[in-house]
């Protein structure tokens, strides 16, 4: 439920401006300034949003940067547009989270609520509004699972992962690296990093990877 006015998105924009790089940030439907309701969204819908930005807004080869759910979306977008994707940076990337980090962790009572009532409303540490986890989100997520097989991407991938992340276990980054077919995959673990990875040193770690993949790393 984060949006394009968040710390990471705006920090990356400022960095790209300094480097003379084009930069695009956007809100998925139901997020931030975009229309729609969050509860109506699914992984498939949000992937289509990302593809629309690639197809209709951005030009030329892109480095896709996605945080948490955005890491999953960026992988799906790269698979759908391999000719447009030069590299990928996942920040606490959470592929398959609807199945592995939600459904698999729910109690039988929570699962029953989702299946029978269509949604489960859960509190969150990341804002005042609770999460609405819908049956459509869970069911659609199963159509986009990636960690069950090889992920056929042969581009540079950089994964930045906090080891104090309470939402996405750091082992997820290892599993993702293993599943990627690319041989150019690096994981940067930040021992004290949490899920946000928004501290100055953590933001600098992300932008260093952008510089390298964009070919503008300072001497």
N, C-alpha and C. Protein backbone atom coordinates (compact mmCIF):
# COMPACT_ATOMS: atom_id res chain seq x y z
N UNK A 1 0.82 -1.22 0.00
CA UNK A 1 0.00 0.00 0.00
C UNK A 1 0.85 1.26 0.00
N UNK A 2 2.17 1.13 -0.14
CA UNK A 2 3.00 2.32 -0.26
C UNK A 2 2.76 2.97 -1.61
N UNK A 3 3.23 4.20 -1.78
CA UNK A 3 2.96 4.91 -3.03
C UNK A 3 4.20 5.65 -3.52
N UNK A 4 4.05 6.36 -4.63
CA UNK A 4 5.21 6.95 -5.29
C UNK A 4 5.73 8.21 -4.60
N UNK A 5 5.09 8.62 -3.49
CA UNK A 5 5.62 9.74 -2.71
C UNK A 5 6.47 9.24 -1.55
N UNK A 6 6.67 7.94 -1.45
CA UNK A 6 7.44 7.38 -0.35
C UNK A 6 8.92 7.71 -0.42
N UNK A 7 9.59 7.43 0.68
CA UNK A 7 11.01 7.80 0.82
C UNK A 7 11.87 7.19 -0.28
N UNK A 8 11.71 5.91 -0.54
CA UNK A 8 12.57 5.26 -1.53
C UNK A 8 12.32 5.81 -2.94
N UNK A 9 11.05 5.95 -3.31
CA UNK A 9 10.73 6.40 -4.66
C UNK A 9 11.25 7.81 -4.92
N UNK A 10 11.09 8.71 -3.97
CA UNK A 10 11.54 10.09 -4.17
C UNK A 10 13.06 10.18 -4.08
N UNK A 11 13.69 9.38 -3.23
CA UNK A 11 15.15 9.38 -3.14
C UNK A 11 15.76 8.91 -4.45
N UNK A 12 15.19 7.86 -5.02
CA UNK A 12 15.70 7.35 -6.29
C UNK A 12 15.53 8.39 -7.40
N UNK A 13 14.41 9.11 -7.38
CA UNK A 13 14.21 10.14 -8.39
C UNK A 13 15.28 11.22 -8.28
N UNK A 14 15.53 11.69 -7.07
CA UNK A 14 16.53 12.73 -6.88
C UNK A 14 17.91 12.25 -7.33
N UNK A 15 18.21 11.00 -7.05
CA UNK A 15 19.50 10.45 -7.45
C UNK A 15 19.60 10.38 -8.98
N UNK A 16 18.54 9.92 -9.62
CA UNK A 16 18.58 9.79 -11.08
C UNK A 16 18.68 11.16 -11.76
N UNK A 17 18.04 12.15 -11.19
CA UNK A 17 18.16 13.51 -11.73
C UNK A 17 19.62 13.96 -11.67
N UNK A 18 20.27 13.70 -10.54
CA UNK A 18 21.69 14.09 -10.40
C UNK A 18 22.57 13.34 -11.40
N UNK A 19 22.20 12.11 -11.73
CA UNK A 19 23.00 11.31 -12.65
C UNK A 19 22.62 11.54 -14.12
N UNK A 20 21.57 12.31 -14.35
CA UNK A 20 21.13 12.54 -15.72
C UNK A 20 20.40 11.36 -16.32
N UNK A 21 19.79 10.55 -15.46
CA UNK A 21 19.04 9.38 -15.91
C UNK A 21 17.54 9.68 -15.94
N UNK A 22 16.86 9.21 -16.98
CA UNK A 22 15.40 9.30 -16.98
C UNK A 22 14.86 8.40 -15.87
N UNK A 23 13.76 8.80 -15.26
CA UNK A 23 13.21 8.06 -14.13
C UNK A 23 11.70 8.17 -14.14
N UNK A 24 11.03 7.05 -13.94
CA UNK A 24 9.58 7.03 -13.91
C UNK A 24 9.13 6.35 -12.62
N UNK A 25 8.25 7.01 -11.88
CA UNK A 25 7.60 6.38 -10.73
C UNK A 25 6.10 6.50 -10.92
N UNK A 26 5.37 5.53 -10.42
CA UNK A 26 3.92 5.55 -10.63
C UNK A 26 3.24 4.82 -9.48
N UNK A 27 1.95 5.05 -9.35
CA UNK A 27 1.13 4.36 -8.36
C UNK A 27 0.30 3.28 -9.05
N UNK A 28 0.31 2.10 -8.49
CA UNK A 28 -0.61 1.07 -8.97
C UNK A 28 -2.05 1.52 -8.74
N UNK A 29 -2.98 0.93 -9.47
CA UNK A 29 -4.38 1.23 -9.25
C UNK A 29 -4.74 0.93 -7.80
N UNK A 30 -5.54 1.82 -7.21
CA UNK A 30 -5.90 1.67 -5.82
C UNK A 30 -4.85 2.12 -4.83
N UNK A 31 -3.75 2.67 -5.33
CA UNK A 31 -2.67 3.18 -4.49
C UNK A 31 -2.49 4.68 -4.75
N UNK A 32 -2.10 5.40 -3.72
CA UNK A 32 -1.70 6.79 -3.88
C UNK A 32 -2.66 7.63 -4.70
N UNK A 33 -2.13 8.22 -5.78
CA UNK A 33 -2.92 9.13 -6.60
C UNK A 33 -3.69 8.43 -7.72
N UNK A 34 -3.52 7.14 -7.86
CA UNK A 34 -4.23 6.43 -8.92
C UNK A 34 -5.68 6.13 -8.50
N UNK A 35 -6.52 6.02 -9.49
CA UNK A 35 -7.93 5.73 -9.23
C UNK A 35 -8.11 4.26 -8.85
N UNK A 36 -9.30 3.93 -8.41
CA UNK A 36 -9.62 2.56 -8.06
C UNK A 36 -9.51 2.30 -6.57
N UNK A 37 -9.98 1.15 -6.16
CA UNK A 37 -9.95 0.74 -4.76
C UNK A 37 -8.86 -0.32 -4.57
N UNK A 38 -8.10 -0.17 -3.50
CA UNK A 38 -7.05 -1.14 -3.20
C UNK A 38 -7.62 -2.56 -3.11
N UNK A 39 -8.78 -2.68 -2.51
CA UNK A 39 -9.37 -4.00 -2.30
C UNK A 39 -9.76 -4.68 -3.61
N UNK A 40 -9.85 -3.92 -4.70
CA UNK A 40 -10.19 -4.50 -6.00
C UNK A 40 -8.96 -5.00 -6.75
N UNK A 41 -7.77 -4.70 -6.24
CA UNK A 41 -6.54 -5.01 -6.96
C UNK A 41 -6.10 -6.45 -6.80
N UNK A 42 -5.35 -6.90 -7.78
CA UNK A 42 -4.74 -8.23 -7.76
C UNK A 42 -3.33 -8.14 -8.34
N UNK A 43 -2.55 -9.18 -8.16
CA UNK A 43 -1.20 -9.19 -8.72
C UNK A 43 -1.26 -9.05 -10.24
N UNK A 44 -2.21 -9.73 -10.86
CA UNK A 44 -2.35 -9.62 -12.31
C UNK A 44 -2.69 -8.21 -12.76
N UNK A 45 -3.60 -7.56 -12.04
CA UNK A 45 -3.99 -6.19 -12.39
C UNK A 45 -2.81 -5.24 -12.22
N UNK A 46 -2.11 -5.36 -11.12
CA UNK A 46 -0.99 -4.45 -10.88
C UNK A 46 0.17 -4.71 -11.84
N UNK A 47 0.32 -5.94 -12.28
CA UNK A 47 1.32 -6.21 -13.32
C UNK A 47 0.93 -5.53 -14.62
N UNK A 48 -0.35 -5.55 -14.96
CA UNK A 48 -0.81 -4.84 -16.15
C UNK A 48 -0.57 -3.35 -16.04
N UNK A 49 -0.70 -2.79 -14.83
CA UNK A 49 -0.38 -1.38 -14.62
C UNK A 49 1.08 -1.11 -14.97
N UNK A 50 1.96 -1.98 -14.47
CA UNK A 50 3.39 -1.80 -14.74
C UNK A 50 3.68 -1.92 -16.23
N UNK A 51 3.05 -2.86 -16.89
CA UNK A 51 3.27 -3.03 -18.33
C UNK A 51 2.74 -1.83 -19.11
N UNK A 52 1.64 -1.23 -18.65
CA UNK A 52 1.12 -0.03 -19.31
C UNK A 52 2.13 1.11 -19.22
N UNK A 53 2.79 1.23 -18.07
CA UNK A 53 3.82 2.27 -17.93
C UNK A 53 4.99 1.98 -18.87
N UNK A 54 5.42 0.73 -18.93
CA UNK A 54 6.51 0.36 -19.85
C UNK A 54 6.13 0.65 -21.29
N UNK A 55 4.90 0.32 -21.67
CA UNK A 55 4.48 0.41 -23.06
C UNK A 55 4.12 1.84 -23.49
N UNK A 56 3.56 2.61 -22.58
CA UNK A 56 2.96 3.88 -22.97
C UNK A 56 3.67 5.11 -22.41
N UNK A 57 4.55 4.92 -21.43
CA UNK A 57 5.20 6.09 -20.81
C UNK A 57 6.71 6.03 -20.98
N UNK A 58 7.32 4.97 -20.51
CA UNK A 58 8.78 4.86 -20.57
C UNK A 58 9.24 4.51 -21.98
N UNK A 59 10.45 4.90 -22.31
CA UNK A 59 11.03 4.57 -23.62
C UNK A 59 12.42 3.98 -23.41
N UNK A 60 12.78 3.09 -24.32
CA UNK A 60 14.12 2.51 -24.26
C UNK A 60 14.26 1.45 -23.18
N UNK A 61 15.47 0.93 -23.02
CA UNK A 61 15.71 -0.11 -22.02
C UNK A 61 15.56 0.45 -20.60
N UNK A 62 15.01 -0.36 -19.72
CA UNK A 62 14.71 0.08 -18.37
C UNK A 62 15.39 -0.80 -17.32
N UNK A 63 15.74 -0.17 -16.21
CA UNK A 63 16.11 -0.89 -15.00
C UNK A 63 14.88 -0.86 -14.10
N UNK A 64 14.30 -2.01 -13.84
CA UNK A 64 13.10 -2.07 -13.02
C UNK A 64 13.49 -2.17 -11.55
N UNK A 65 12.88 -1.32 -10.74
CA UNK A 65 13.14 -1.32 -9.30
C UNK A 65 11.82 -1.54 -8.58
N UNK A 66 11.75 -2.56 -7.77
CA UNK A 66 10.52 -2.86 -7.06
C UNK A 66 10.78 -3.22 -5.62
N UNK A 67 9.96 -2.67 -4.72
CA UNK A 67 10.09 -2.93 -3.30
C UNK A 67 8.95 -3.82 -2.82
N UNK A 68 9.27 -4.88 -2.09
CA UNK A 68 8.28 -5.77 -1.51
C UNK A 68 7.38 -6.36 -2.60
N UNK A 69 6.09 -6.04 -2.59
CA UNK A 69 5.22 -6.52 -3.67
C UNK A 69 5.74 -6.06 -5.02
N UNK A 70 6.29 -4.86 -5.07
CA UNK A 70 6.83 -4.34 -6.32
C UNK A 70 7.97 -5.18 -6.87
N UNK A 71 8.68 -5.90 -5.98
CA UNK A 71 9.70 -6.81 -6.46
C UNK A 71 9.10 -7.96 -7.25
N UNK A 72 7.97 -8.47 -6.79
CA UNK A 72 7.25 -9.52 -7.53
C UNK A 72 6.74 -8.98 -8.85
N UNK A 73 6.13 -7.78 -8.81
CA UNK A 73 5.60 -7.17 -10.03
C UNK A 73 6.72 -6.93 -11.04
N UNK A 74 7.87 -6.47 -10.57
CA UNK A 74 8.96 -6.17 -11.51
C UNK A 74 9.46 -7.44 -12.18
N UNK A 75 9.49 -8.55 -11.45
CA UNK A 75 9.89 -9.82 -12.06
C UNK A 75 8.89 -10.24 -13.14
N UNK A 76 7.61 -10.11 -12.84
CA UNK A 76 6.58 -10.46 -13.82
C UNK A 76 6.65 -9.55 -15.04
N UNK A 77 6.90 -8.26 -14.81
CA UNK A 77 7.00 -7.31 -15.93
C UNK A 77 8.22 -7.62 -16.79
N UNK A 78 9.33 -7.96 -16.14
CA UNK A 78 10.54 -8.29 -16.90
C UNK A 78 10.33 -9.55 -17.74
N UNK A 79 9.62 -10.52 -17.21
CA UNK A 79 9.33 -11.72 -17.97
C UNK A 79 8.44 -11.42 -19.17
N UNK A 80 7.51 -10.48 -18.99
CA UNK A 80 6.59 -10.12 -20.07
C UNK A 80 7.23 -9.20 -21.11
N UNK A 81 8.24 -8.42 -20.72
CA UNK A 81 8.89 -7.47 -21.62
C UNK A 81 10.41 -7.61 -21.53
N UNK A 82 10.96 -8.77 -21.87
CA UNK A 82 12.40 -8.97 -21.73
C UNK A 82 13.22 -8.03 -22.60
N UNK A 83 12.67 -7.63 -23.75
CA UNK A 83 13.40 -6.74 -24.64
C UNK A 83 13.47 -5.32 -24.11
N UNK A 84 12.67 -5.00 -23.11
CA UNK A 84 12.66 -3.64 -22.55
C UNK A 84 13.42 -3.56 -21.23
N UNK A 85 13.87 -4.70 -20.72
CA UNK A 85 14.42 -4.73 -19.37
C UNK A 85 15.92 -4.96 -19.41
N UNK A 86 16.65 -3.97 -18.93
CA UNK A 86 18.12 -4.04 -18.91
C UNK A 86 18.64 -4.65 -17.61
N UNK A 87 17.89 -4.47 -16.54
CA UNK A 87 18.32 -4.97 -15.24
C UNK A 87 17.17 -4.84 -14.25
N UNK A 88 17.36 -5.42 -13.09
CA UNK A 88 16.29 -5.42 -12.10
C UNK A 88 16.89 -5.32 -10.70
N UNK A 89 16.28 -4.49 -9.89
CA UNK A 89 16.69 -4.34 -8.50
C UNK A 89 15.49 -4.64 -7.61
N UNK A 90 15.61 -5.65 -6.78
CA UNK A 90 14.55 -6.00 -5.85
C UNK A 90 14.92 -5.56 -4.44
N UNK A 91 14.04 -4.81 -3.81
CA UNK A 91 14.26 -4.31 -2.46
C UNK A 91 13.29 -5.06 -1.54
N UNK A 92 13.81 -5.95 -0.72
CA UNK A 92 12.94 -6.83 0.08
C UNK A 92 11.89 -7.46 -0.82
N UNK A 93 12.33 -7.94 -1.96
CA UNK A 93 11.41 -8.47 -2.97
C UNK A 93 10.60 -9.64 -2.40
N UNK A 94 9.31 -9.63 -2.73
CA UNK A 94 8.39 -10.60 -2.11
C UNK A 94 7.60 -11.39 -3.14
N UNK A 95 8.28 -12.09 -4.07
CA UNK A 95 7.50 -12.92 -4.99
C UNK A 95 6.73 -14.00 -4.23
N UNK A 96 5.53 -14.28 -4.71
CA UNK A 96 4.69 -15.36 -4.16
C UNK A 96 4.21 -15.07 -2.74
N UNK A 97 4.25 -13.81 -2.31
CA UNK A 97 3.91 -13.54 -0.91
C UNK A 97 2.46 -13.87 -0.57
N UNK A 98 1.55 -13.77 -1.53
CA UNK A 98 0.15 -14.06 -1.22
C UNK A 98 -0.03 -15.51 -0.80
N UNK A 99 0.79 -16.38 -1.36
CA UNK A 99 0.69 -17.81 -1.04
C UNK A 99 1.58 -18.20 0.13
N UNK A 100 2.86 -17.76 0.08
CA UNK A 100 3.84 -18.23 1.06
C UNK A 100 3.85 -17.44 2.36
N UNK A 101 3.60 -16.14 2.27
CA UNK A 101 3.70 -15.28 3.45
C UNK A 101 2.33 -14.88 3.99
N UNK A 102 1.28 -15.14 3.23
CA UNK A 102 -0.07 -14.90 3.72
C UNK A 102 -0.81 -16.22 3.93
N UNK A 103 -1.25 -16.83 2.83
CA UNK A 103 -2.12 -18.00 2.92
C UNK A 103 -1.51 -19.11 3.78
N UNK A 104 -0.25 -19.40 3.57
CA UNK A 104 0.40 -20.50 4.31
C UNK A 104 0.51 -20.20 5.80
N UNK A 105 0.44 -18.92 6.16
CA UNK A 105 0.58 -18.53 7.56
C UNK A 105 -0.76 -18.31 8.26
N UNK A 106 -1.82 -18.27 7.49
CA UNK A 106 -3.13 -18.00 8.07
C UNK A 106 -3.63 -19.22 8.86
N UNK A 107 -4.43 -18.92 9.87
CA UNK A 107 -5.11 -19.98 10.60
C UNK A 107 -6.27 -20.50 9.76
N UNK A 108 -6.80 -21.62 10.14
CA UNK A 108 -7.95 -22.16 9.42
C UNK A 108 -9.13 -21.20 9.50
N UNK A 109 -9.27 -20.52 10.62
CA UNK A 109 -10.36 -19.55 10.76
C UNK A 109 -10.19 -18.39 9.79
N UNK A 110 -8.96 -17.90 9.63
CA UNK A 110 -8.70 -16.80 8.70
C UNK A 110 -8.96 -17.24 7.26
N UNK A 111 -8.52 -18.44 6.93
CA UNK A 111 -8.76 -18.96 5.58
C UNK A 111 -10.26 -19.08 5.31
N UNK A 112 -10.99 -19.54 6.30
CA UNK A 112 -12.43 -19.70 6.15
C UNK A 112 -13.10 -18.35 5.94
N UNK A 113 -12.64 -17.33 6.67
CA UNK A 113 -13.19 -15.98 6.51
C UNK A 113 -12.99 -15.48 5.08
N UNK A 114 -11.79 -15.69 4.55
CA UNK A 114 -11.50 -15.24 3.18
C UNK A 114 -12.38 -15.97 2.18
N UNK A 115 -12.46 -17.27 2.31
CA UNK A 115 -13.22 -18.06 1.33
C UNK A 115 -14.73 -17.80 1.42
N UNK A 116 -15.24 -17.62 2.62
CA UNK A 116 -16.68 -17.48 2.79
C UNK A 116 -17.16 -16.04 2.68
N UNK A 117 -16.37 -15.10 3.22
CA UNK A 117 -16.79 -13.70 3.22
C UNK A 117 -16.13 -12.89 2.11
N UNK A 118 -15.10 -13.45 1.50
CA UNK A 118 -14.46 -12.76 0.38
C UNK A 118 -13.31 -11.86 0.75
N UNK A 119 -13.07 -11.66 2.05
CA UNK A 119 -11.99 -10.76 2.45
C UNK A 119 -11.67 -10.95 3.93
N UNK A 120 -10.44 -10.63 4.27
CA UNK A 120 -9.97 -10.62 5.65
C UNK A 120 -9.34 -9.25 5.88
N UNK A 121 -9.73 -8.59 6.94
CA UNK A 121 -9.19 -7.27 7.27
C UNK A 121 -8.21 -7.42 8.42
N UNK A 122 -6.98 -7.04 8.17
CA UNK A 122 -5.91 -7.23 9.14
C UNK A 122 -5.21 -5.90 9.42
N UNK A 123 -4.82 -5.64 10.69
CA UNK A 123 -4.06 -4.42 11.00
C UNK A 123 -2.67 -4.48 10.39
N UNK A 124 -2.05 -3.33 10.23
CA UNK A 124 -0.71 -3.26 9.67
C UNK A 124 0.13 -2.24 10.43
N UNK A 125 1.43 -2.47 10.46
CA UNK A 125 2.35 -1.54 11.11
C UNK A 125 2.74 -0.39 10.20
N UNK A 126 2.26 -0.41 8.94
CA UNK A 126 2.76 0.55 7.96
C UNK A 126 1.77 1.66 7.63
N UNK A 127 0.76 1.84 8.45
CA UNK A 127 -0.19 2.92 8.21
C UNK A 127 -1.39 2.77 9.13
N UNK A 128 -2.27 3.76 9.08
CA UNK A 128 -3.45 3.74 9.95
C UNK A 128 -4.54 2.82 9.42
N UNK A 129 -4.58 2.64 8.10
CA UNK A 129 -5.63 1.82 7.51
C UNK A 129 -5.21 0.35 7.51
N UNK A 130 -6.12 -0.55 7.83
CA UNK A 130 -5.79 -1.98 7.81
C UNK A 130 -5.68 -2.50 6.39
N UNK A 131 -5.02 -3.65 6.26
CA UNK A 131 -4.97 -4.34 4.97
C UNK A 131 -6.29 -5.09 4.75
N UNK A 132 -6.75 -5.02 3.53
CA UNK A 132 -7.88 -5.86 3.13
C UNK A 132 -7.33 -6.93 2.20
N UNK A 133 -7.33 -8.17 2.68
CA UNK A 133 -6.79 -9.29 1.91
C UNK A 133 -7.98 -10.03 1.33
N UNK A 134 -8.15 -9.93 0.02
CA UNK A 134 -9.34 -10.48 -0.61
C UNK A 134 -9.12 -11.88 -1.15
N UNK A 135 -10.21 -12.58 -1.32
CA UNK A 135 -10.17 -13.90 -1.96
C UNK A 135 -9.60 -13.78 -3.37
N UNK A 136 -9.98 -12.71 -4.08
CA UNK A 136 -9.47 -12.51 -5.44
C UNK A 136 -7.96 -12.33 -5.45
N UNK A 137 -7.42 -11.62 -4.45
CA UNK A 137 -5.97 -11.42 -4.37
C UNK A 137 -5.26 -12.76 -4.20
N UNK A 138 -5.77 -13.58 -3.30
CA UNK A 138 -5.15 -14.88 -3.04
C UNK A 138 -5.27 -15.79 -4.27
N UNK A 139 -6.46 -15.89 -4.82
CA UNK A 139 -6.67 -16.80 -5.95
C UNK A 139 -5.89 -16.35 -7.18
N UNK A 140 -5.91 -15.05 -7.46
CA UNK A 140 -5.17 -14.53 -8.62
C UNK A 140 -3.67 -14.71 -8.42
N UNK A 141 -3.20 -14.54 -7.19
CA UNK A 141 -1.77 -14.70 -6.92
C UNK A 141 -1.26 -16.06 -7.35
N UNK A 142 -2.12 -17.06 -7.25
CA UNK A 142 -1.71 -18.42 -7.62
C UNK A 142 -1.45 -18.57 -9.11
N UNK A 143 -1.95 -17.63 -9.89
CA UNK A 143 -1.69 -17.65 -11.34
C UNK A 143 -0.35 -17.03 -11.70
N UNK A 144 0.33 -16.45 -10.70
CA UNK A 144 1.56 -15.70 -10.99
C UNK A 144 2.73 -16.13 -10.11
N UNK A 145 2.66 -17.29 -9.52
CA UNK A 145 3.72 -17.76 -8.65
C UNK A 145 5.00 -18.01 -9.45
N UNK A 146 6.13 -17.64 -8.87
CA UNK A 146 7.41 -17.72 -9.58
C UNK A 146 8.42 -18.66 -8.95
N UNK A 147 8.34 -18.86 -7.66
CA UNK A 147 9.41 -19.58 -6.96
C UNK A 147 9.27 -21.09 -7.04
N UNK A 148 8.26 -21.57 -7.77
CA UNK A 148 8.08 -23.01 -7.91
C UNK A 148 8.90 -23.59 -9.06
N UNK A 149 9.50 -22.73 -9.87
CA UNK A 149 10.21 -23.21 -11.06
C UNK A 149 11.30 -22.20 -11.40
N UNK A 150 12.08 -22.51 -12.42
CA UNK A 150 13.11 -21.58 -12.88
C UNK A 150 12.47 -20.30 -13.40
N UNK A 151 13.05 -19.17 -13.03
CA UNK A 151 12.59 -17.87 -13.52
C UNK A 151 13.50 -17.49 -14.68
N UNK A 152 12.97 -17.52 -15.87
CA UNK A 152 13.78 -17.41 -17.08
C UNK A 152 14.09 -15.95 -17.41
N UNK A 153 14.95 -15.37 -16.60
CA UNK A 153 15.44 -14.01 -16.84
C UNK A 153 16.95 -14.05 -16.90
N UNK A 154 17.52 -13.51 -17.95
CA UNK A 154 18.97 -13.52 -18.12
C UNK A 154 19.49 -12.09 -18.18
N UNK A 155 19.17 -11.35 -17.15
CA UNK A 155 19.58 -9.96 -16.99
C UNK A 155 20.27 -9.80 -15.64
N UNK A 156 21.03 -8.73 -15.44
CA UNK A 156 21.60 -8.49 -14.12
C UNK A 156 20.48 -8.25 -13.10
N UNK A 157 20.57 -8.92 -11.97
CA UNK A 157 19.59 -8.75 -10.89
C UNK A 157 20.34 -8.47 -9.59
N UNK A 158 19.91 -7.44 -8.88
CA UNK A 158 20.48 -7.10 -7.59
C UNK A 158 19.36 -7.12 -6.55
N UNK A 159 19.59 -7.84 -5.47
CA UNK A 159 18.60 -7.98 -4.41
C UNK A 159 19.16 -7.36 -3.13
N UNK A 160 18.43 -6.41 -2.58
CA UNK A 160 18.82 -5.77 -1.32
C UNK A 160 17.83 -6.24 -0.26
N UNK A 161 18.32 -6.86 0.79
CA UNK A 161 17.45 -7.51 1.76
C UNK A 161 17.91 -7.25 3.19
N UNK A 162 17.01 -6.75 4.02
CA UNK A 162 17.31 -6.59 5.43
C UNK A 162 17.17 -7.91 6.18
N UNK A 163 18.09 -8.17 7.07
CA UNK A 163 18.03 -9.42 7.83
C UNK A 163 17.15 -9.30 9.07
N UNK A 164 16.69 -8.09 9.36
CA UNK A 164 15.73 -7.88 10.45
C UNK A 164 14.33 -7.64 9.88
N UNK A 165 14.10 -8.01 8.66
CA UNK A 165 12.80 -7.85 8.00
C UNK A 165 11.79 -8.80 8.64
N UNK A 166 10.76 -8.22 9.25
CA UNK A 166 9.74 -9.03 9.92
C UNK A 166 8.66 -9.50 8.96
N UNK A 167 8.66 -9.01 7.73
CA UNK A 167 7.60 -9.32 6.77
C UNK A 167 8.05 -10.27 5.67
N UNK A 168 9.26 -10.06 5.17
CA UNK A 168 9.82 -10.93 4.12
C UNK A 168 11.10 -11.56 4.67
N UNK A 169 11.09 -12.85 4.97
CA UNK A 169 12.29 -13.49 5.52
C UNK A 169 13.47 -13.35 4.56
N UNK A 170 14.66 -13.16 5.13
CA UNK A 170 15.82 -12.97 4.27
C UNK A 170 16.10 -14.20 3.40
N UNK A 171 15.60 -15.35 3.83
CA UNK A 171 15.78 -16.56 3.03
C UNK A 171 15.06 -16.47 1.68
N UNK A 172 14.05 -15.59 1.59
CA UNK A 172 13.35 -15.41 0.32
C UNK A 172 14.30 -14.94 -0.76
N UNK A 173 15.22 -14.05 -0.40
CA UNK A 173 16.20 -13.55 -1.38
C UNK A 173 17.09 -14.69 -1.88
N UNK A 174 17.48 -15.58 -0.99
CA UNK A 174 18.30 -16.73 -1.40
C UNK A 174 17.53 -17.63 -2.37
N UNK A 175 16.28 -17.88 -2.05
CA UNK A 175 15.46 -18.74 -2.90
C UNK A 175 15.26 -18.10 -4.26
N UNK A 176 15.01 -16.79 -4.28
CA UNK A 176 14.83 -16.09 -5.55
C UNK A 176 16.10 -16.15 -6.38
N UNK A 177 17.24 -15.90 -5.76
CA UNK A 177 18.51 -15.97 -6.49
C UNK A 177 18.73 -17.35 -7.09
N UNK A 178 18.37 -18.38 -6.34
CA UNK A 178 18.53 -19.75 -6.81
C UNK A 178 17.65 -20.03 -8.02
N UNK A 179 16.42 -19.49 -8.02
CA UNK A 179 15.47 -19.78 -9.08
C UNK A 179 15.74 -18.99 -10.36
N UNK A 180 16.42 -17.86 -10.27
CA UNK A 180 16.70 -17.05 -11.45
C UNK A 180 17.71 -17.78 -12.35
N UNK A 181 17.43 -17.79 -13.65
CA UNK A 181 18.36 -18.43 -14.57
C UNK A 181 19.61 -17.58 -14.81
N UNK A 182 19.51 -16.28 -14.59
CA UNK A 182 20.65 -15.40 -14.78
C UNK A 182 21.81 -15.79 -13.88
N UNK A 183 23.01 -15.69 -14.42
CA UNK A 183 24.22 -15.92 -13.63
C UNK A 183 24.73 -14.63 -13.01
N UNK A 184 24.13 -13.50 -13.40
CA UNK A 184 24.55 -12.20 -12.87
C UNK A 184 23.55 -11.75 -11.81
N UNK A 185 23.59 -12.43 -10.68
CA UNK A 185 22.68 -12.14 -9.57
C UNK A 185 23.50 -11.92 -8.31
N UNK A 186 23.24 -10.82 -7.64
CA UNK A 186 23.93 -10.52 -6.38
C UNK A 186 22.91 -10.16 -5.32
N UNK A 187 23.17 -10.63 -4.10
CA UNK A 187 22.34 -10.26 -2.95
C UNK A 187 23.17 -9.42 -2.00
N UNK A 188 22.62 -8.30 -1.58
CA UNK A 188 23.24 -7.50 -0.53
C UNK A 188 22.38 -7.61 0.72
N UNK A 189 22.89 -8.30 1.71
CA UNK A 189 22.18 -8.38 2.99
C UNK A 189 22.60 -7.21 3.86
N UNK A 190 21.62 -6.58 4.47
CA UNK A 190 21.88 -5.52 5.45
C UNK A 190 21.45 -6.06 6.80
N UNK A 191 22.41 -6.34 7.65
CA UNK A 191 22.15 -7.08 8.89
C UNK A 191 21.11 -6.39 9.76
N UNK A 192 21.18 -5.08 9.86
CA UNK A 192 20.26 -4.34 10.74
C UNK A 192 19.02 -3.84 9.99
N UNK A 193 18.91 -4.17 8.71
CA UNK A 193 17.82 -3.62 7.89
C UNK A 193 16.49 -4.28 8.17
N UNK A 194 15.43 -3.44 8.22
CA UNK A 194 14.07 -3.97 8.36
C UNK A 194 13.39 -3.97 6.99
N UNK A 195 12.08 -4.09 6.97
CA UNK A 195 11.38 -4.21 5.69
C UNK A 195 11.40 -2.90 4.90
N UNK A 196 11.45 -1.79 5.60
CA UNK A 196 11.37 -0.50 4.89
C UNK A 196 12.64 -0.19 4.10
N UNK A 197 13.80 -0.50 4.65
CA UNK A 197 15.10 -0.19 4.02
C UNK A 197 15.12 1.26 3.52
N UNK A 198 14.79 2.17 4.41
CA UNK A 198 14.68 3.59 4.05
C UNK A 198 15.64 4.49 4.81
N UNK A 199 16.57 3.90 5.55
CA UNK A 199 17.58 4.70 6.23
C UNK A 199 18.58 5.21 5.19
N UNK A 200 19.26 6.33 5.48
CA UNK A 200 20.19 6.90 4.49
C UNK A 200 21.20 5.90 3.91
N UNK A 201 21.83 5.10 4.75
CA UNK A 201 22.82 4.15 4.25
C UNK A 201 22.16 3.07 3.39
N UNK A 202 20.94 2.71 3.73
CA UNK A 202 20.22 1.70 2.95
C UNK A 202 19.82 2.25 1.59
N UNK A 203 19.38 3.50 1.57
CA UNK A 203 19.04 4.15 0.30
C UNK A 203 20.28 4.28 -0.58
N UNK A 204 21.41 4.60 0.03
CA UNK A 204 22.66 4.71 -0.73
C UNK A 204 23.05 3.37 -1.33
N UNK A 205 22.78 2.29 -0.61
CA UNK A 205 23.08 0.95 -1.14
C UNK A 205 22.27 0.69 -2.40
N UNK A 206 21.01 1.09 -2.39
CA UNK A 206 20.14 0.88 -3.55
C UNK A 206 20.64 1.70 -4.74
N UNK A 207 20.98 2.96 -4.50
CA UNK A 207 21.40 3.81 -5.61
C UNK A 207 22.75 3.39 -6.18
N UNK A 208 23.60 2.78 -5.37
CA UNK A 208 24.87 2.27 -5.91
C UNK A 208 24.60 1.17 -6.94
N UNK A 209 23.63 0.34 -6.68
CA UNK A 209 23.29 -0.70 -7.65
C UNK A 209 22.73 -0.08 -8.93
N UNK A 210 21.95 0.97 -8.80
CA UNK A 210 21.43 1.66 -9.99
C UNK A 210 22.60 2.19 -10.82
N UNK A 211 23.56 2.82 -10.16
CA UNK A 211 24.70 3.38 -10.88
C UNK A 211 25.45 2.31 -11.68
N UNK A 212 25.65 1.16 -11.05
CA UNK A 212 26.39 0.09 -11.72
C UNK A 212 25.60 -0.45 -12.91
N UNK A 213 24.33 -0.74 -12.72
CA UNK A 213 23.54 -1.31 -13.81
C UNK A 213 23.33 -0.30 -14.94
N UNK A 214 23.29 0.99 -14.60
CA UNK A 214 23.09 2.02 -15.62
C UNK A 214 24.40 2.43 -16.29
N UNK A 215 25.51 1.92 -15.77
CA UNK A 215 26.80 2.25 -16.37
C UNK A 215 27.29 3.63 -16.04
N UNK A 216 26.84 4.18 -14.91
CA UNK A 216 27.28 5.55 -14.56
C UNK A 216 27.85 5.57 -13.15
N UNK A 217 28.42 4.46 -12.72
CA UNK A 217 29.02 4.42 -11.39
C UNK A 217 30.19 5.40 -11.34
N UNK A 218 30.25 6.23 -10.30
CA UNK A 218 31.35 7.19 -10.22
C UNK A 218 32.68 6.47 -10.02
N UNK A 219 33.72 7.07 -10.52
CA UNK A 219 35.06 6.47 -10.42
C UNK A 219 35.51 6.46 -8.97
